[in-house]
Amino acid sequence: MANPWEDGPRELLQHAVDHMSLGEDFDRRIAMISIDNAVEIIMKTYLSLPKRVLGAPGPTRKEFEDAKNSFPSVLDLLEKYAGSKLTGVSLEEIEWYHRIRNEIYHAGHGVTVERAKLYTYLALAILLFENLFGTKIRLPVLDPKQQRLGKFLGTWGLAEALFRAKRPEKPPGEYAYYWNRECLQRLSLRALELWDKLGTYRMNVVHNHETAKDSELEEAAQEAQELVEILEDWTPKSAP
């Protein structure tokens, strides 16, 4: 059964995919605008749903009305009312891509959009929809590379969520970075190695202007799944 909130975002994302396949600068700019519009619709649709649909309290009508015309304010509301559903989705990255869309509006032909950015933003948009509405979004045409990227981002997001849910409480005064590393090292050297490697790779694949290689994405997704399996078997003590 189709999700009643899927049609608008799906059409915009499919429009983006169609333009991405054409490969011209103009088409990449149109694709970026379409993805960003889809993300905005996804967030606003979720935040406007009644409590009986969400299954949890959402923003008041006044909160939503005050925020809906400001992209950063919508992000703040989403973090407040859907934080537990944002596994693998970085709101900071979404805001960064939204700024690129604004640059396109203001500078037009002077803005070049790399395919790597489009691949990543599309993957984030799909993951955001699926996390918020609990269902897959159906795109008739999806680039195989995009599928690999989406698989990696989703699996890495699951690994992050598992680790943060299971790690012992951080002692007062301890830096989170070092505490995370200590917990992972005591779990296993392989867990720490994968955490460092995949965290760095995710940052690079999101922000690097070079298009990610298929073989690298496939390997990253497999290693992210390995990390998920290590974390699923982890039964931590109250402190390492």
Foldseek 3Di string as FASTA:
>chain_A
DDDPLQPQLQVLQLQLVVLVVVPDQLSNLSSLLSLLVSLLSLLLVLQPDDCVQQVHDHDDPVLSVVQSVPPVSSLVRCCVGPVVLQQLADSVLSVVSVVLNVCCVVVPPVRGDFVLQSLQSSLNSQSSNCSRNVDGRDHPDDDPLSVLQNLLSNLLSLLVVLLVVQQADDDPPDDPVVSSLVSQVVLDPLLNVLCVVLVVVVVCSNPPRDHDDSVVSNVSSVSSVVNSVSSVPDHDDNGD
